[in-house]
Amino acid sequence: MSGLGRILLVEDDPKDVELTLEALGDYNLANEVVLVRDGAEALDYLYCRGDFAERAKESPAVLLLDLKLPKINGLEVLQRIKADERLRMVPVVVLTSSREESDMVTSYQLGVNAYVVKPVDFHEFVNAIKELGIFWAIINEAPPGSVGWKR
């Protein structure tokens, strides 16, 4: 893999997946984007198990996490990531349509790095994703000595 970190997108809504990938592509980000569609699949990816047992062991540069997911919801995924010494340094950006204060407060209590409400307007959504992608996957520096990071 190049010096660019991988983006892990955890999203079950096909329309939001398409818009997110389009927005990242509009900025010609060369980062690999890995898409998983539920919380269980996200954890399988992060722990290199199941369908992801043979993947490269590097942690993603950023995880874009929806909250309303099938199988295991986003808050449970976040809780497990931040409770695991090997994964807690992976930046997690909650990217959700939820404006519920309890979701936001719980996300921050669990250690989320950013909480972004998906804009309803198409152009605002695309611009938000572009900015997230550039900051977290290119500008942000991984902490020195972070376990599992190869960047």
N, C-alpha and C. Protein backbone atom coordinates (compact mmCIF):
# COMPACT_ATOMS: atom_id res chain seq x y z
N MET A 1 0.84 -1.18 0.00
CA MET A 1 0.00 0.00 0.00
C MET A 1 0.87 1.24 0.00
N SER A 2 0.40 2.31 -0.60
CA SER A 2 1.15 3.55 -0.63
C SER A 2 1.12 4.21 0.73
N GLY A 3 1.65 5.44 0.82
CA GLY A 3 1.65 6.17 2.07
C GLY A 3 0.28 6.68 2.46
N LEU A 4 -0.69 6.54 1.58
CA LEU A 4 -2.04 6.99 1.88
C LEU A 4 -2.78 5.94 2.67
N GLY A 5 -3.44 6.37 3.71
CA GLY A 5 -4.17 5.43 4.55
C GLY A 5 -5.48 5.00 3.93
N ARG A 6 -5.90 3.84 4.30
CA ARG A 6 -7.15 3.26 3.83
C ARG A 6 -8.31 3.89 4.61
N ILE A 7 -9.42 4.11 3.92
CA ILE A 7 -10.64 4.63 4.53
C ILE A 7 -11.61 3.46 4.67
N LEU A 8 -12.10 3.23 5.87
CA LEU A 8 -13.11 2.20 6.09
C LEU A 8 -14.45 2.89 6.21
N LEU A 9 -15.34 2.62 5.27
CA LEU A 9 -16.68 3.19 5.24
C LEU A 9 -17.66 2.14 5.72
N VAL A 10 -18.37 2.43 6.81
CA VAL A 10 -19.35 1.51 7.38
C VAL A 10 -20.72 2.16 7.17
N GLU A 11 -21.41 1.71 6.13
CA GLU A 11 -22.67 2.34 5.73
C GLU A 11 -23.56 1.32 5.04
N ASP A 12 -24.83 1.28 5.44
CA ASP A 12 -25.75 0.31 4.86
C ASP A 12 -26.70 0.91 3.82
N ASP A 13 -26.80 2.22 3.75
CA ASP A 13 -27.71 2.87 2.81
C ASP A 13 -27.02 3.01 1.45
N PRO A 14 -27.51 2.32 0.41
CA PRO A 14 -26.86 2.35 -0.91
C PRO A 14 -26.71 3.77 -1.47
N LYS A 15 -27.71 4.63 -1.23
CA LYS A 15 -27.63 6.00 -1.74
C LYS A 15 -26.50 6.77 -1.05
N ASP A 16 -26.38 6.62 0.27
CA ASP A 16 -25.31 7.30 1.00
C ASP A 16 -23.94 6.74 0.61
N VAL A 17 -23.86 5.44 0.35
CA VAL A 17 -22.61 4.84 -0.13
C VAL A 17 -22.20 5.48 -1.44
N GLU A 18 -23.15 5.54 -2.37
CA GLU A 18 -22.86 6.11 -3.69
C GLU A 18 -22.41 7.56 -3.59
N LEU A 19 -23.12 8.35 -2.79
CA LEU A 19 -22.76 9.76 -2.63
C LEU A 19 -21.39 9.92 -1.97
N THR A 20 -21.11 9.11 -0.98
CA THR A 20 -19.82 9.19 -0.27
C THR A 20 -18.68 8.83 -1.21
N LEU A 21 -18.83 7.74 -1.95
CA LEU A 21 -17.77 7.34 -2.88
C LEU A 21 -17.59 8.36 -3.99
N GLU A 22 -18.69 8.94 -4.46
CA GLU A 22 -18.61 9.97 -5.49
C GLU A 22 -17.89 11.20 -4.96
N ALA A 23 -18.21 11.59 -3.74
CA ALA A 23 -17.57 12.77 -3.14
C ALA A 23 -16.08 12.55 -2.96
N LEU A 24 -15.69 11.40 -2.47
CA LEU A 24 -14.26 11.10 -2.31
C LEU A 24 -13.57 11.05 -3.66
N GLY A 25 -14.24 10.51 -4.66
CA GLY A 25 -13.68 10.43 -6.01
C GLY A 25 -13.55 11.79 -6.67
N ASP A 26 -14.47 12.72 -6.35
CA ASP A 26 -14.41 14.06 -6.93
C ASP A 26 -13.12 14.78 -6.58
N TYR A 27 -12.56 14.47 -5.45
CA TYR A 27 -11.31 15.10 -5.03
C TYR A 27 -10.10 14.26 -5.45
N ASN A 28 -10.36 13.21 -6.22
CA ASN A 28 -9.30 12.34 -6.72
C ASN A 28 -8.42 11.81 -5.60
N LEU A 29 -9.05 11.50 -4.47
CA LEU A 29 -8.30 10.89 -3.38
C LEU A 29 -7.87 9.50 -3.83
N ALA A 30 -6.60 9.22 -3.70
CA ALA A 30 -6.09 7.92 -4.13
C ALA A 30 -6.19 6.88 -3.03
N ASN A 31 -6.73 7.27 -1.91
CA ASN A 31 -6.89 6.33 -0.80
C ASN A 31 -7.83 5.20 -1.21
N GLU A 32 -7.48 4.00 -0.78
CA GLU A 32 -8.39 2.88 -0.96
C GLU A 32 -9.55 3.06 0.00
N VAL A 33 -10.77 2.86 -0.50
CA VAL A 33 -11.95 2.91 0.35
C VAL A 33 -12.50 1.49 0.44
N VAL A 34 -12.59 1.00 1.66
CA VAL A 34 -13.17 -0.32 1.90
C VAL A 34 -14.57 -0.10 2.43
N LEU A 35 -15.54 -0.74 1.80
CA LEU A 35 -16.94 -0.59 2.19
C LEU A 35 -17.41 -1.85 2.90
N VAL A 36 -18.00 -1.65 4.08
CA VAL A 36 -18.70 -2.73 4.78
C VAL A 36 -20.09 -2.19 5.10
N ARG A 37 -21.08 -3.10 5.14
CA ARG A 37 -22.47 -2.65 5.19
C ARG A 37 -23.19 -2.91 6.52
N ASP A 38 -22.48 -3.42 7.52
CA ASP A 38 -23.10 -3.58 8.84
C ASP A 38 -22.01 -3.60 9.90
N GLY A 39 -22.45 -3.50 11.16
CA GLY A 39 -21.49 -3.45 12.26
C GLY A 39 -20.68 -4.72 12.44
N ALA A 40 -21.30 -5.86 12.20
CA ALA A 40 -20.57 -7.13 12.34
C ALA A 40 -19.46 -7.22 11.30
N GLU A 41 -19.76 -6.81 10.09
CA GLU A 41 -18.75 -6.84 9.03
C GLU A 41 -17.62 -5.85 9.33
N ALA A 42 -17.95 -4.70 9.92
CA ALA A 42 -16.92 -3.73 10.30
C ALA A 42 -15.96 -4.34 11.32
N LEU A 43 -16.50 -5.02 12.31
CA LEU A 43 -15.63 -5.65 13.32
C LEU A 43 -14.82 -6.79 12.71
N ASP A 44 -15.42 -7.55 11.79
CA ASP A 44 -14.66 -8.60 11.10
C ASP A 44 -13.48 -7.99 10.36
N TYR A 45 -13.72 -6.86 9.70
CA TYR A 45 -12.64 -6.19 8.97
C TYR A 45 -11.54 -5.74 9.94
N LEU A 46 -11.93 -5.06 10.99
CA LEU A 46 -10.95 -4.52 11.92
C LEU A 46 -10.14 -5.60 12.63
N TYR A 47 -10.77 -6.74 12.88
CA TYR A 47 -10.09 -7.84 13.57
C TYR A 47 -9.54 -8.90 12.61
N CYS A 48 -9.57 -8.60 11.31
CA CYS A 48 -9.01 -9.51 10.29
C CYS A 48 -9.56 -10.93 10.44
N ARG A 49 -10.86 -11.04 10.46
CA ARG A 49 -11.47 -12.36 10.59
C ARG A 49 -12.56 -12.52 9.53
N GLY A 50 -13.07 -13.74 9.40
CA GLY A 50 -14.11 -14.00 8.41
C GLY A 50 -13.60 -13.72 7.01
N ASP A 51 -14.39 -12.99 6.22
CA ASP A 51 -14.01 -12.66 4.85
C ASP A 51 -12.76 -11.80 4.77
N PHE A 52 -12.34 -11.21 5.88
CA PHE A 52 -11.19 -10.31 5.89
C PHE A 52 -9.96 -10.92 6.58
N ALA A 53 -9.96 -12.21 6.77
CA ALA A 53 -8.86 -12.88 7.48
C ALA A 53 -7.53 -12.71 6.77
N GLU A 54 -7.54 -12.56 5.47
CA GLU A 54 -6.29 -12.47 4.70
C GLU A 54 -5.93 -11.04 4.31
N ARG A 55 -6.65 -10.06 4.78
CA ARG A 55 -6.35 -8.68 4.38
C ARG A 55 -5.05 -8.19 5.01
N ALA A 56 -4.49 -7.13 4.43
CA ALA A 56 -3.31 -6.49 5.01
C ALA A 56 -3.66 -6.03 6.42
N LYS A 57 -2.74 -6.12 7.33
CA LYS A 57 -3.01 -5.90 8.76
C LYS A 57 -3.05 -4.43 9.18
N GLU A 58 -2.75 -3.50 8.28
CA GLU A 58 -2.77 -2.09 8.67
C GLU A 58 -4.16 -1.66 9.10
N SER A 59 -4.18 -0.82 10.11
CA SER A 59 -5.44 -0.21 10.53
C SER A 59 -5.80 0.88 9.54
N PRO A 60 -7.09 1.17 9.38
CA PRO A 60 -7.47 2.24 8.46
C PRO A 60 -7.00 3.60 8.98
N ALA A 61 -6.83 4.54 8.06
CA ALA A 61 -6.47 5.91 8.44
C ALA A 61 -7.63 6.57 9.15
N VAL A 62 -8.84 6.19 8.75
CA VAL A 62 -10.05 6.72 9.36
C VAL A 62 -11.20 5.75 9.12
N LEU A 63 -12.12 5.71 10.05
CA LEU A 63 -13.32 4.90 9.92
C LEU A 63 -14.50 5.86 9.89
N LEU A 64 -15.25 5.85 8.79
CA LEU A 64 -16.47 6.64 8.67
C LEU A 64 -17.62 5.72 9.05
N LEU A 65 -18.26 6.00 10.17
CA LEU A 65 -19.19 5.07 10.79
C LEU A 65 -20.60 5.62 10.90
N ASP A 66 -21.54 4.94 10.26
CA ASP A 66 -22.95 5.25 10.45
C ASP A 66 -23.39 4.66 11.79
N LEU A 67 -24.41 5.22 12.40
CA LEU A 67 -24.89 4.69 13.68
C LEU A 67 -26.00 3.66 13.51
N LYS A 68 -26.89 3.91 12.59
CA LYS A 68 -28.05 3.03 12.39
C LYS A 68 -27.67 1.92 11.41
N LEU A 69 -27.11 0.84 11.95
CA LEU A 69 -26.60 -0.27 11.14
C LEU A 69 -27.30 -1.56 11.51
N PRO A 70 -27.41 -2.48 10.54
CA PRO A 70 -27.92 -3.82 10.87
C PRO A 70 -26.90 -4.63 11.65
N LYS A 71 -27.36 -5.67 12.28
CA LYS A 71 -26.58 -6.65 13.06
C LYS A 71 -26.01 -6.07 14.34
N ILE A 72 -25.04 -5.17 14.22
CA ILE A 72 -24.45 -4.50 15.38
C ILE A 72 -24.49 -3.01 15.07
N ASN A 73 -25.11 -2.21 15.95
CA ASN A 73 -25.23 -0.79 15.63
C ASN A 73 -23.89 -0.06 15.79
N GLY A 74 -23.85 1.15 15.25
CA GLY A 74 -22.62 1.92 15.23
C GLY A 74 -22.08 2.25 16.61
N LEU A 75 -22.96 2.51 17.57
CA LEU A 75 -22.47 2.81 18.92
C LEU A 75 -21.77 1.61 19.54
N GLU A 76 -22.27 0.40 19.29
CA GLU A 76 -21.61 -0.81 19.79
C GLU A 76 -20.26 -1.01 19.11
N VAL A 77 -20.21 -0.76 17.80
CA VAL A 77 -18.93 -0.85 17.08
C VAL A 77 -17.93 0.14 17.68
N LEU A 78 -18.37 1.37 17.87
CA LEU A 78 -17.51 2.40 18.46
C LEU A 78 -17.02 1.99 19.84
N GLN A 79 -17.92 1.47 20.66
CA GLN A 79 -17.55 1.04 22.01
C GLN A 79 -16.47 -0.03 21.96
N ARG A 80 -16.64 -0.99 21.09
CA ARG A 80 -15.65 -2.08 20.99
C ARG A 80 -14.30 -1.59 20.49
N ILE A 81 -14.31 -0.69 19.52
CA ILE A 81 -13.06 -0.15 18.98
C ILE A 81 -12.30 0.62 20.07
N LYS A 82 -13.00 1.50 20.73
CA LYS A 82 -12.33 2.36 21.71
C LYS A 82 -11.95 1.63 22.99
N ALA A 83 -12.52 0.45 23.22
CA ALA A 83 -12.16 -0.36 24.38
C ALA A 83 -10.98 -1.28 24.09
N ASP A 84 -10.58 -1.38 22.84
CA ASP A 84 -9.51 -2.29 22.44
C ASP A 84 -8.21 -1.52 22.25
N GLU A 85 -7.21 -1.89 23.02
CA GLU A 85 -5.92 -1.18 22.97
C GLU A 85 -5.33 -1.14 21.57
N ARG A 86 -5.55 -2.19 20.78
CA ARG A 86 -4.98 -2.24 19.43
C ARG A 86 -5.71 -1.33 18.45
N LEU A 87 -6.96 -0.97 18.75
CA LEU A 87 -7.76 -0.20 17.80
C LEU A 87 -8.13 1.20 18.27
N ARG A 88 -7.96 1.48 19.54
CA ARG A 88 -8.50 2.73 20.08
C ARG A 88 -7.92 3.99 19.45
N MET A 89 -6.75 3.89 18.83
CA MET A 89 -6.14 5.06 18.21
C MET A 89 -6.64 5.31 16.78
N VAL A 90 -7.40 4.38 16.23
CA VAL A 90 -7.96 4.59 14.89
C VAL A 90 -8.99 5.71 14.97
N PRO A 91 -8.82 6.77 14.18
CA PRO A 91 -9.80 7.85 14.21
C PRO A 91 -11.16 7.35 13.70
N VAL A 92 -12.20 7.67 14.45
CA VAL A 92 -13.55 7.29 14.06
C VAL A 92 -14.38 8.56 13.92
N VAL A 93 -14.98 8.71 12.74
CA VAL A 93 -15.89 9.82 12.48
C VAL A 93 -17.28 9.22 12.32
N VAL A 94 -18.17 9.59 13.23
CA VAL A 94 -19.56 9.17 13.09
C VAL A 94 -20.16 10.04 11.99
N LEU A 95 -20.71 9.38 10.99
CA LEU A 95 -21.34 10.05 9.86
C LEU A 95 -22.77 9.53 9.81
N THR A 96 -23.70 10.31 10.33
CA THR A 96 -25.05 9.79 10.58
C THR A 96 -26.12 10.83 10.25
N SER A 97 -27.31 10.36 10.09
CA SER A 97 -28.45 11.26 9.92
C SER A 97 -29.08 11.59 11.27
N SER A 98 -28.60 10.96 12.33
CA SER A 98 -29.19 11.15 13.65
C SER A 98 -28.78 12.50 14.26
N ARG A 99 -29.80 13.26 14.58
CA ARG A 99 -29.57 14.52 15.29
C ARG A 99 -29.94 14.37 16.77
N GLU A 100 -30.14 13.13 17.18
CA GLU A 100 -30.51 12.88 18.58
C GLU A 100 -29.35 13.22 19.50
N GLU A 101 -29.62 14.07 20.47
CA GLU A 101 -28.58 14.50 21.40
C GLU A 101 -27.96 13.30 22.12
N SER A 102 -28.77 12.31 22.46
CA SER A 102 -28.24 11.15 23.17
C SER A 102 -27.23 10.38 22.32
N ASP A 103 -27.45 10.29 21.01
CA ASP A 103 -26.48 9.63 20.13
C ASP A 103 -25.17 10.40 20.10
N MET A 104 -25.27 11.72 20.02
CA MET A 104 -24.07 12.55 19.97
C MET A 104 -23.30 12.46 21.29
N VAL A 105 -23.99 12.60 22.41
CA VAL A 105 -23.34 12.55 23.71
C VAL A 105 -22.69 11.18 23.93
N THR A 106 -23.42 10.11 23.64
CA THR A 106 -22.87 8.77 23.82
C THR A 106 -21.65 8.56 22.93
N SER A 107 -21.71 9.04 21.69
CA SER A 107 -20.57 8.89 20.78
C SER A 107 -19.32 9.55 21.36
N TYR A 108 -19.48 10.77 21.86
CA TYR A 108 -18.32 11.46 22.43
C TYR A 108 -17.86 10.80 23.73
N GLN A 109 -18.78 10.31 24.53
CA GLN A 109 -18.39 9.60 25.75
C GLN A 109 -17.59 8.34 25.43
N LEU A 110 -17.91 7.72 24.31
CA LEU A 110 -17.19 6.50 23.90
C LEU A 110 -15.87 6.80 23.21
N GLY A 111 -15.61 8.06 22.88
CA GLY A 111 -14.31 8.43 22.33
C GLY A 111 -14.28 8.72 20.84
N VAL A 112 -15.42 9.03 20.23
CA VAL A 112 -15.43 9.36 18.81
C VAL A 112 -14.57 10.60 18.57
N ASN A 113 -13.94 10.66 17.41
CA ASN A 113 -13.09 11.80 17.08
C ASN A 113 -13.87 12.96 16.47
N ALA A 114 -14.99 12.65 15.81
CA ALA A 114 -15.84 13.69 15.24
C ALA A 114 -17.23 13.11 15.02
N TYR A 115 -18.22 13.98 15.09
CA TYR A 115 -19.62 13.58 14.90
C TYR A 115 -20.18 14.51 13.83
N VAL A 116 -20.52 13.94 12.68
CA VAL A 116 -21.00 14.73 11.55
C VAL A 116 -22.40 14.26 11.18
N VAL A 117 -23.34 15.19 11.19
CA VAL A 117 -24.69 14.88 10.75
C VAL A 117 -24.73 15.04 9.23
N LYS A 118 -25.21 14.00 8.56
CA LYS A 118 -25.28 14.02 7.10
C LYS A 118 -26.22 15.15 6.66
N PRO A 119 -25.71 16.07 5.88
CA PRO A 119 -26.58 17.13 5.36
C PRO A 119 -27.62 16.54 4.40
N VAL A 120 -28.80 17.13 4.40
CA VAL A 120 -29.86 16.68 3.50
C VAL A 120 -29.57 17.12 2.07
N ASP A 121 -29.03 18.31 1.91
CA ASP A 121 -28.72 18.85 0.60
C ASP A 121 -27.56 18.08 -0.05
N PHE A 122 -27.74 17.69 -1.29
CA PHE A 122 -26.74 16.90 -2.01
C PHE A 122 -25.38 17.57 -2.02
N HIS A 123 -25.32 18.85 -2.39
CA HIS A 123 -24.03 19.53 -2.51
C HIS A 123 -23.35 19.70 -1.15
N GLU A 124 -24.14 19.96 -0.12
CA GLU A 124 -23.57 20.06 1.23
C GLU A 124 -23.01 18.70 1.67
N PHE A 125 -23.73 17.62 1.34
CA PHE A 125 -23.27 16.27 1.69
C PHE A 125 -21.95 15.98 1.00
N VAL A 126 -21.88 16.23 -0.29
CA VAL A 126 -20.66 15.98 -1.06
C VAL A 126 -19.49 16.79 -0.50
N ASN A 127 -19.72 18.07 -0.22
CA ASN A 127 -18.65 18.91 0.33
C ASN A 127 -18.20 18.43 1.70
N ALA A 128 -19.13 18.00 2.54
CA ALA A 128 -18.76 17.50 3.87
C ALA A 128 -17.88 16.26 3.75
N ILE A 129 -18.23 15.35 2.85
CA ILE A 129 -17.44 14.13 2.66
C ILE A 129 -16.05 14.45 2.11
N LYS A 130 -15.98 15.36 1.16
CA LYS A 130 -14.68 15.76 0.61
C LYS A 130 -13.76 16.28 1.71
N GLU A 131 -14.30 17.17 2.54
CA GLU A 131 -13.49 17.74 3.61
C GLU A 131 -13.08 16.68 4.62
N LEU A 132 -13.99 15.78 4.96
CA LEU A 132 -13.64 14.69 5.88
C LEU A 132 -12.53 13.83 5.29
N GLY A 133 -12.68 13.46 4.04
CA GLY A 133 -11.69 12.61 3.39
C GLY A 133 -10.32 13.24 3.36
N ILE A 134 -10.26 14.48 2.99
CA ILE A 134 -8.97 15.16 2.90
C ILE A 134 -8.33 15.30 4.28
N PHE A 135 -9.10 15.73 5.27
CA PHE A 135 -8.52 15.90 6.59
C PHE A 135 -8.05 14.59 7.20
N TRP A 136 -8.96 13.61 7.30
CA TRP A 136 -8.65 12.40 8.05
C TRP A 136 -7.74 11.44 7.30
N ALA A 137 -7.82 11.41 5.98
CA ALA A 137 -7.04 10.43 5.23
C ALA A 137 -5.73 10.98 4.69
N ILE A 138 -5.60 12.30 4.63
CA ILE A 138 -4.37 12.87 4.06
C ILE A 138 -3.66 13.79 5.04
N ILE A 139 -4.35 14.75 5.61
CA ILE A 139 -3.71 15.76 6.46
C ILE A 139 -3.38 15.23 7.85
N ASN A 140 -4.33 14.53 8.47
CA ASN A 140 -4.14 14.04 9.83
C ASN A 140 -2.96 13.07 9.92
N GLU A 141 -2.15 13.21 10.94
CA GLU A 141 -1.01 12.32 11.18
C GLU A 141 -1.37 11.28 12.22
N ALA A 142 -0.99 10.04 11.97
CA ALA A 142 -1.19 8.97 12.95
C ALA A 142 -0.28 9.21 14.15
N PRO A 143 -0.74 8.87 15.34
CA PRO A 143 0.11 9.03 16.52
C PRO A 143 1.37 8.17 16.41
N PRO A 144 2.51 8.69 16.86
CA PRO A 144 3.74 7.89 16.82
C PRO A 144 3.58 6.59 17.60
N GLY A 145 4.04 5.51 17.01
CA GLY A 145 4.01 4.23 17.69
C GLY A 145 2.65 3.59 17.79
N SER A 146 1.68 4.09 17.03
CA SER A 146 0.34 3.50 17.09
C SER A 146 0.39 2.06 16.65
N VAL A 147 -0.17 1.19 17.46
CA VAL A 147 -0.18 -0.24 17.17
C VAL A 147 -1.01 -0.49 15.92
N GLY A 148 -0.44 -1.24 14.97
CA GLY A 148 -1.19 -1.65 13.79
C GLY A 148 -1.15 -0.66 12.65
N TRP A 149 -0.60 0.53 12.84
CA TRP A 149 -0.59 1.52 11.77
C TRP A 149 0.67 1.34 10.94
N LYS A 150 0.50 1.33 9.66
CA LYS A 150 1.64 1.35 8.73
C LYS A 150 1.34 2.41 7.72
N ARG A 151 1.86 3.60 7.95
CA ARG A 151 1.56 4.71 7.05
C ARG A 151 2.79 5.43 6.66
